[in-house]
Structures are given as C-alpha cells and as structure tokens.
Amino acid sequence: GMLGSLPVALTIDGYGPISDNAGGIAEMCGLPSTI
C-alpha cells in the first residue's frame, strides 16, 4: 500500500537530475539568464 503511488513518486523523483543537467547545459551554452 505504501508503494501504491510508486509510479508518481518515481516520476517526480526524475525531475531533479533532469532539470539539474538542463541547467548545466544552459550555463555552458551561454543561454540567457531567463533560461
């Protein structure tokens, strides 16, 4: 039961590394600060 919402937990868990890498790529590419 505690793991019943596992798909949602794993989905939102994936936001961290994805957006972290996206931020690093944006910085290395010299994109605007709004990005």
PDB file of all heavy atoms in Angstrom:
ATOM      1  N   GLY A   1       0.814  -1.201   0.000  1.00  0.00           N
ATOM      2  CA  GLY A   1       0.000   0.000   0.000  1.00  0.00           C
ATOM      3  C   GLY A   1       0.853   1.259   0.000  1.00  0.00           C
ATOM      4  O   GLY A   1       0.570   2.213  -0.733  1.00  0.00           O
ATOM      5  N   MET A   2       1.915   1.256   0.821  1.00  0.00           N
ATOM      6  CA  MET A   2       2.811   2.418   0.859  1.00  0.00           C
ATOM      7  C   MET A   2       3.455   2.661  -0.498  1.00  0.00           C
ATOM      8  O   MET A   2       3.727   3.812  -0.872  1.00  0.00           O
ATOM      9  CB  MET A   2       3.880   2.204   1.930  1.00  0.00           C
ATOM     10  CG  MET A   2       4.809   3.386   2.105  1.00  0.00           C
ATOM     11  SD  MET A   2       5.937   3.226   3.496  1.00  0.00           S
ATOM     12  CE  MET A   2       4.821   3.432   4.876  1.00  0.00           C
ATOM     13  N   LEU A   3       3.681   1.597  -1.252  1.00  0.00           N
ATOM     14  CA  LEU A   3       4.297   1.731  -2.574  1.00  0.00           C
ATOM     15  C   LEU A   3       3.254   1.816  -3.683  1.00  0.00           C
ATOM     16  O   LEU A   3       3.579   1.688  -4.854  1.00  0.00           O
ATOM     17  CB  LEU A   3       5.224   0.536  -2.825  1.00  0.00           C
ATOM     18  CG  LEU A   3       6.465   0.476  -1.923  1.00  0.00           C
ATOM     19  CD1 LEU A   3       7.132  -0.885  -2.025  1.00  0.00           C
ATOM     20  CD2 LEU A   3       7.450   1.573  -2.293  1.00  0.00           C
ATOM     21  N   GLY A   4       1.976   2.022  -3.293  1.00  0.00           N
ATOM     22  CA  GLY A   4       0.917   2.074  -4.292  1.00  0.00           C
ATOM     23  C   GLY A   4       1.071   3.226  -5.265  1.00  0.00           C
ATOM     24  O   GLY A   4       0.730   3.104  -6.447  1.00  0.00           O
ATOM     25  N   SER A   5       1.573   4.363  -4.796  1.00  0.00           N
ATOM     26  CA  SER A   5       1.769   5.522  -5.678  1.00  0.00           C
ATOM     27  C   SER A   5       3.197   5.592  -6.198  1.00  0.00           C
ATOM     28  O   SER A   5       3.705   6.670  -6.507  1.00  0.00           O
ATOM     29  CB  SER A   5       1.419   6.813  -4.926  1.00  0.00           C
ATOM     30  OG  SER A   5       2.185   6.918  -3.732  1.00  0.00           O
ATOM     31  N   LEU A   6       3.837   4.434  -6.301  1.00  0.00           N
ATOM     32  CA  LEU A   6       5.233   4.380  -6.757  1.00  0.00           C
ATOM     33  C   LEU A   6       5.449   5.011  -8.132  1.00  0.00           C
ATOM     34  O   LEU A   6       6.442   5.729  -8.320  1.00  0.00           O
ATOM     35  CB  LEU A   6       5.710   2.919  -6.755  1.00  0.00           C
ATOM     36  CG  LEU A   6       7.140   2.664  -7.231  1.00  0.00           C
ATOM     37  CD1 LEU A   6       8.134   3.345  -6.295  1.00  0.00           C
ATOM     38  CD2 LEU A   6       7.430   1.169  -7.304  1.00  0.00           C
ATOM     39  N   PRO A   7       4.567   4.780  -9.128  1.00  0.00           N
ATOM     40  CA  PRO A   7       4.809   5.431 -10.428  1.00  0.00           C
ATOM     41  C   PRO A   7       4.897   6.950 -10.335  1.00  0.00           C
ATOM     42  O   PRO A   7       5.751   7.567 -10.973  1.00  0.00           O
ATOM     43  CB  PRO A   7       3.587   4.987 -11.259  1.00  0.00           C
ATOM     44  CG  PRO A   7       3.181   3.689 -10.657  1.00  0.00           C
ATOM     45  CD  PRO A   7       3.425   3.846  -9.186  1.00  0.00           C
ATOM     46  N   VAL A   8       4.028   7.559  -9.521  1.00  0.00           N
ATOM     47  CA  VAL A   8       4.068   9.014  -9.361  1.00  0.00           C
ATOM     48  C   VAL A   8       5.335   9.429  -8.611  1.00  0.00           C
ATOM     49  O   VAL A   8       6.004  10.405  -8.980  1.00  0.00           O
ATOM     50  CB  VAL A   8       2.812   9.511  -8.618  1.00  0.00           C
ATOM     51  CG1 VAL A   8       2.941  10.988  -8.263  1.00  0.00           C
ATOM     52  CG2 VAL A   8       1.585   9.293  -9.467  1.00  0.00           C
ATOM     53  N   ALA A   9       5.682   8.671  -7.554  1.00  0.00           N
ATOM     54  CA  ALA A   9       6.877   9.008  -6.771  1.00  0.00           C
ATOM     55  C   ALA A   9       8.126   8.962  -7.642  1.00  0.00           C
ATOM     56  O   ALA A   9       8.991   9.841  -7.557  1.00  0.00           O
ATOM     57  CB  ALA A   9       7.009   8.052  -5.588  1.00  0.00           C
ATOM     58  N   LEU A  10       8.235   7.957  -8.484  1.00  0.00           N
ATOM     59  CA  LEU A  10       9.404   7.847  -9.361  1.00  0.00           C
ATOM     60  C   LEU A  10       9.393   8.920 -10.442  1.00  0.00           C
ATOM     61  O   LEU A  10      10.442   9.426 -10.832  1.00  0.00           O
ATOM     62  CB  LEU A  10       9.443   6.463 -10.012  1.00  0.00           C
ATOM     63  CG  LEU A  10       9.933   5.313  -9.128  1.00  0.00           C
ATOM     64  CD1 LEU A  10       9.928   4.001  -9.900  1.00  0.00           C
ATOM     65  CD2 LEU A  10      11.339   5.589  -8.608  1.00  0.00           C
ATOM     66  N   THR A  11       8.193   9.269 -10.896  1.00  0.00           N
ATOM     67  CA  THR A  11       8.098  10.291 -11.935  1.00  0.00           C
ATOM     68  C   THR A  11       8.594  11.643 -11.439  1.00  0.00           C
ATOM     69  O   THR A  11       9.419  12.304 -12.085  1.00  0.00           O
ATOM     70  CB  THR A  11       6.640  10.417 -12.416  1.00  0.00           C
ATOM     71  OG1 THR A  11       6.217   9.175 -12.964  1.00  0.00           O
ATOM     72  CG2 THR A  11       6.518  11.489 -13.482  1.00  0.00           C
ATOM     73  N   ILE A  12       8.099  12.058 -10.269  1.00  0.00           N
ATOM     74  CA  ILE A  12       8.529  13.357  -9.751  1.00  0.00           C
ATOM     75  C   ILE A  12       9.963  13.289  -9.242  1.00  0.00           C
ATOM     76  O   ILE A  12      10.666  14.304  -9.185  1.00  0.00           O
ATOM     77  CB  ILE A  12       7.589  13.856  -8.646  1.00  0.00           C
ATOM     78  CG1 ILE A  12       7.606  12.927  -7.434  1.00  0.00           C
ATOM     79  CG2 ILE A  12       6.176  14.011  -9.165  1.00  0.00           C
ATOM     80  CD1 ILE A  12       6.788  13.431  -6.274  1.00  0.00           C
ATOM     81  N   ASP A  13      10.429  12.087  -8.876  1.00  0.00           N
ATOM     82  CA  ASP A  13      11.808  11.916  -8.460  1.00  0.00           C
ATOM     83  C   ASP A  13      12.759  12.223  -9.623  1.00  0.00           C
ATOM     84  O   ASP A  13      13.883  12.681  -9.426  1.00  0.00           O
ATOM     85  CB  ASP A  13      12.019  10.473  -7.977  1.00  0.00           C
ATOM     86  CG  ASP A  13      13.256  10.335  -7.105  1.00  0.00           C
ATOM     87  OD1 ASP A  13      13.894  11.379  -6.828  1.00  0.00           O
ATOM     88  OD2 ASP A  13      13.580   9.217  -6.697  1.00  0.00           O
ATOM     89  N   GLY A  14      12.289  11.972 -10.850  1.00  0.00           N
ATOM     90  CA  GLY A  14      13.140  12.181 -12.017  1.00  0.00           C
ATOM     91  C   GLY A  14      13.329  13.633 -12.402  1.00  0.00           C
ATOM     92  O   GLY A  14      14.202  13.947 -13.219  1.00  0.00           O
ATOM     93  N   TYR A  15      12.527  14.538 -11.827  1.00  0.00           N
ATOM     94  CA  TYR A  15      12.664  15.951 -12.189  1.00  0.00           C
ATOM     95  C   TYR A  15      14.017  16.519 -11.762  1.00  0.00           C
ATOM     96  O   TYR A  15      14.578  17.382 -12.442  1.00  0.00           O
ATOM     97  CB  TYR A  15      11.549  16.780 -11.537  1.00  0.00           C
ATOM     98  CG  TYR A  15      10.276  16.813 -12.334  1.00  0.00           C
ATOM     99  CD1 TYR A  15       9.292  15.850 -12.146  1.00  0.00           C
ATOM    100  CD2 TYR A  15      10.057  17.801 -13.282  1.00  0.00           C
ATOM    101  CE1 TYR A  15       8.116  15.874 -12.876  1.00  0.00           C
ATOM    102  CE2 TYR A  15       8.885  17.832 -14.024  1.00  0.00           C
ATOM    103  CZ  TYR A  15       7.918  16.861 -13.813  1.00  0.00           C
ATOM    104  OH  TYR A  15       6.766  16.889 -14.543  1.00  0.00           O
ATOM    105  N   GLY A  16      14.540  16.044 -10.626  1.00  0.00           N
ATOM    106  CA  GLY A  16      15.778  16.607 -10.088  1.00  0.00           C
ATOM    107  C   GLY A  16      16.962  16.527 -11.039  1.00  0.00           C
ATOM    108  O   GLY A  16      17.483  17.554 -11.509  1.00  0.00           O
ATOM    109  N   PRO A  17      17.430  15.313 -11.359  1.00  0.00           N
ATOM    110  CA  PRO A  17      18.605  15.199 -12.230  1.00  0.00           C
ATOM    111  C   PRO A  17      18.380  15.730 -13.640  1.00  0.00           C
ATOM    112  O   PRO A  17      19.298  16.259 -14.255  1.00  0.00           O
ATOM    113  CB  PRO A  17      18.884  13.687 -12.253  1.00  0.00           C
ATOM    114  CG  PRO A  17      17.633  13.041 -11.786  1.00  0.00           C
ATOM    115  CD  PRO A  17      16.985  13.996 -10.849  1.00  0.00           C
ATOM    116  N   ILE A  18      17.139  15.609 -14.141  1.00  0.00           N
ATOM    117  CA  ILE A  18      16.869  16.104 -15.498  1.00  0.00           C
ATOM    118  C   ILE A  18      17.037  17.622 -15.551  1.00  0.00           C
ATOM    119  O   ILE A  18      17.756  18.170 -16.401  1.00  0.00           O
ATOM    120  CB  ILE A  18      15.455  15.703 -15.948  1.00  0.00           C
ATOM    121  CG1 ILE A  18      15.368  14.186 -16.128  1.00  0.00           C
ATOM    122  CG2 ILE A  18      15.069  16.412 -17.241  1.00  0.00           C
ATOM    123  CD1 ILE A  18      13.973  13.666 -16.395  1.00  0.00           C
ATOM    124  N   SER A  19      16.378  18.326 -14.613  1.00  0.00           N
ATOM    125  CA  SER A  19      16.457  19.791 -14.630  1.00  0.00           C
ATOM    126  C   SER A  19      17.837  20.277 -14.206  1.00  0.00           C
ATOM    127  O   SER A  19      18.301  21.327 -14.675  1.00  0.00           O
ATOM    128  CB  SER A  19      15.383  20.383 -13.719  1.00  0.00           C
ATOM    129  OG  SER A  19      15.499  19.848 -12.416  1.00  0.00           O
ATOM    130  N   ASP A  20      18.528  19.510 -13.358  1.00  0.00           N
ATOM    131  CA  ASP A  20      19.873  19.885 -12.939  1.00  0.00           C
ATOM    132  C   ASP A  20      20.822  19.851 -14.136  1.00  0.00           C
ATOM    133  O   ASP A  20      21.608  20.778 -14.364  1.00  0.00           O
ATOM    134  CB  ASP A  20      20.350  18.923 -11.843  1.00  0.00           C
ATOM    135  CG  ASP A  20      21.578  19.464 -11.121  1.00  0.00           C
ATOM    136  OD1 ASP A  20      21.897  20.650 -11.321  1.00  0.00           O
ATOM    137  OD2 ASP A  20      22.213  18.716 -10.380  1.00  0.00           O
ATOM    138  N   ASN A  21      20.735  18.785 -14.917  1.00  0.00           N
ATOM    139  CA  ASN A  21      21.580  18.689 -16.114  1.00  0.00           C
ATOM    140  C   ASN A  21      21.184  19.730 -17.152  1.00  0.00           C
ATOM    141  O   ASN A  21      22.046  20.285 -17.844  1.00  0.00           O
ATOM    142  CB  ASN A  21      21.471  17.284 -16.722  1.00  0.00           C
ATOM    143  CG  ASN A  21      22.181  16.241 -15.888  1.00  0.00           C
ATOM    144  OD1 ASN A  21      23.248  16.502 -15.352  1.00  0.00           O
ATOM    145  ND2 ASN A  21      21.592  15.069 -15.762  1.00  0.00           N
ATOM    146  N   ALA A  22      19.878  20.006 -17.243  1.00  0.00           N
ATOM    147  CA  ALA A  22      19.430  21.031 -18.188  1.00  0.00           C
ATOM    148  C   ALA A  22      20.013  22.392 -17.819  1.00  0.00           C
ATOM    149  O   ALA A  22      20.418  23.171 -18.687  1.00  0.00           O
ATOM    150  CB  ALA A  22      17.900  21.091 -18.204  1.00  0.00           C
ATOM    151  N   GLY A  23      20.058  22.691 -16.500  1.00  0.00           N
ATOM    152  CA  GLY A  23      20.645  23.953 -16.057  1.00  0.00           C
ATOM    153  C   GLY A  23      22.125  24.045 -16.375  1.00  0.00           C
ATOM    154  O   GLY A  23      22.629  25.098 -16.794  1.00  0.00           O
ATOM    155  N   GLY A  24      22.833  22.937 -16.184  1.00  0.00           N
ATOM    156  CA  GLY A  24      24.261  22.926 -16.513  1.00  0.00           C
ATOM    157  C   GLY A  24      24.505  23.130 -17.996  1.00  0.00           C
ATOM    158  O   GLY A  24      25.420  23.866 -18.400  1.00  0.00           O
ATOM    159  N   ILE A  25      23.686  22.496 -18.824  1.00  0.00           N
ATOM    160  CA  ILE A  25      23.823  22.655 -20.275  1.00  0.00           C
ATOM    161  C   ILE A  25      23.531  24.102 -20.678  1.00  0.00           C
ATOM    162  O   ILE A  25      24.230  24.686 -21.516  1.00  0.00           O
ATOM    163  CB  ILE A  25      22.873  21.678 -21.001  1.00  0.00           C
ATOM    164  CG1 ILE A  25      23.329  20.238 -20.771  1.00  0.00           C
ATOM    165  CG2 ILE A  25      22.817  21.983 -22.500  1.00  0.00           C
ATOM    166  CD1 ILE A  25      22.342  19.187 -21.254  1.00  0.00           C
ATOM    167  N   ALA A  26      22.485  24.681 -20.078  1.00  0.00           N
ATOM    168  CA  ALA A  26      22.132  26.071 -20.396  1.00  0.00           C
ATOM    169  C   ALA A  26      23.272  27.015 -20.041  1.00  0.00           C
ATOM    170  O   ALA A  26      23.579  27.963 -20.784  1.00  0.00           O
ATOM    171  CB  ALA A  26      20.860  26.467 -19.657  1.00  0.00           C
ATOM    172  N   GLU A  27      23.917  26.763 -18.893  1.00  0.00           N
ATOM    173  CA  GLU A  27      25.015  27.639 -18.473  1.00  0.00           C
ATOM    174  C   GLU A  27      26.224  27.488 -19.391  1.00  0.00           C
ATOM    175  O   GLU A  27      26.850  28.484 -19.786  1.00  0.00           O
ATOM    176  CB  GLU A  27      25.404  27.306 -17.035  1.00  0.00           C
ATOM    177  CG  GLU A  27      26.449  28.260 -16.467  1.00  0.00           C
ATOM    178  CD  GLU A  27      26.713  28.002 -14.994  1.00  0.00           C
ATOM    179  OE1 GLU A  27      26.163  27.020 -14.462  1.00  0.00           O
ATOM    180  OE2 GLU A  27      27.458  28.779 -14.393  1.00  0.00           O
ATOM    181  N   MET A  28      26.554  26.264 -19.746  1.00  0.00           N
ATOM    182  CA  MET A  28      27.725  26.042 -20.615  1.00  0.00           C
ATOM    183  C   MET A  28      27.512  26.582 -22.019  1.00  0.00           C
ATOM    184  O   MET A  28      28.472  26.986 -22.696  1.00  0.00           O
ATOM    185  CB  MET A  28      28.038  24.543 -20.684  1.00  0.00           C
ATOM    186  CG  MET A  28      28.621  23.983 -19.388  1.00  0.00           C
ATOM    187  SD  MET A  28      29.144  22.250 -19.526  1.00  0.00           S
ATOM    188  CE  MET A  28      27.563  21.424 -19.669  1.00  0.00           C
ATOM    189  N   CYS A  29      26.246  26.611 -22.455  1.00  0.00           N
ATOM    190  CA  CYS A  29      25.950  27.116 -23.792  1.00  0.00           C
ATOM    191  C   CYS A  29      25.809  28.632 -23.830  1.00  0.00           C
ATOM    192  O   CYS A  29      25.600  29.199 -24.911  1.00  0.00           O
ATOM    193  CB  CYS A  29      24.662  26.483 -24.320  1.00  0.00           C
ATOM    194  SG  CYS A  29      24.786  24.711 -24.604  1.00  0.00           S
ATOM    195  N   GLY A  30      25.884  29.280 -22.650  1.00  0.00           N
ATOM    196  CA  GLY A  30      25.778  30.730 -22.609  1.00  0.00           C
ATOM    197  C   GLY A  30      24.388  31.245 -22.923  1.00  0.00           C
ATOM    198  O   GLY A  30      24.244  32.344 -23.488  1.00  0.00           O
ATOM    199  N   LEU A  31      23.368  30.472 -22.568  1.00  0.00           N
ATOM    200  CA  LEU A  31      21.993  30.902 -22.828  1.00  0.00           C
ATOM    201  C   LEU A  31      21.603  32.040 -21.878  1.00  0.00           C
ATOM    202  O   LEU A  31      22.238  32.238 -20.843  1.00  0.00           O
ATOM    203  CB  LEU A  31      21.044  29.718 -22.662  1.00  0.00           C
ATOM    204  CG  LEU A  31      21.232  28.574 -23.670  1.00  0.00           C
ATOM    205  CD1 LEU A  31      20.277  27.429 -23.347  1.00  0.00           C
ATOM    206  CD2 LEU A  31      21.009  29.060 -25.096  1.00  0.00           C
ATOM    207  N   PRO A  32      20.544  32.776 -22.207  1.00  0.00           N
ATOM    208  CA  PRO A  32      20.130  33.907 -21.362  1.00  0.00           C
ATOM    209  C   PRO A  32      19.800  33.464 -19.934  1.00  0.00           C
ATOM    210  O   PRO A  32      19.444  32.310 -19.683  1.00  0.00           O
ATOM    211  CB  PRO A  32      18.884  34.443 -22.069  1.00  0.00           C
ATOM    212  CG  PRO A  32      19.014  33.983 -23.479  1.00  0.00           C
ATOM    213  CD  PRO A  32      19.728  32.676 -23.432  1.00  0.00           C
ATOM    214  N   SER A  33      19.906  34.416 -19.001  1.00  0.00           N
ATOM    215  CA  SER A  33      19.665  34.105 -17.590  1.00  0.00           C
ATOM    216  C   SER A  33      18.219  33.681 -17.337  1.00  0.00           C
ATOM    217  O   SER A  33      17.940  32.972 -16.361  1.00  0.00           O
ATOM    218  CB  SER A  33      20.004  35.318 -16.720  1.00  0.00           C
ATOM    219  OG  SER A  33      19.217  36.444 -17.098  1.00  0.00           O
ATOM    220  N   THR A  34      17.299  34.095 -18.192  1.00  0.00           N
ATOM    221  CA  THR A  34      15.897  33.686 -18.006  1.00  0.00           C
ATOM    222  C   THR A  34      15.746  32.173 -18.115  1.00  0.00           C
ATOM    223  O   THR A  34      14.912  31.574 -17.432  1.00  0.00           O
ATOM    224  CB  THR A  34      14.998  34.374 -19.048  1.00  0.00           C
ATOM    225  OG1 THR A  34      15.519  34.104 -20.372  1.00  0.00           O
ATOM    226  CG2 THR A  34      14.957  35.871 -18.829  1.00  0.00           C
ATOM    227  N   ILE A  35      16.553  31.575 -18.965  1.00  0.00           N
ATOM    228  CA  ILE A  35      16.525  30.110 -19.101  1.00  0.00           C
ATOM    229  C   ILE A  35      17.007  29.471 -17.813  1.00  0.00           C
ATOM    230  O   ILE A  35      16.408  28.523 -17.293  1.00  0.00           O
ATOM    231  CB  ILE A  35      17.399  29.651 -20.285  1.00  0.00           C
ATOM    232  CG1 ILE A  35      16.957  30.322 -21.582  1.00  0.00           C
ATOM    233  CG2 ILE A  35      17.366  28.129 -20.410  1.00  0.00           C
ATOM    234  CD1 ILE A  35      15.560  29.964 -22.016  1.00  0.00           C
TER     235      ILE A  35
END
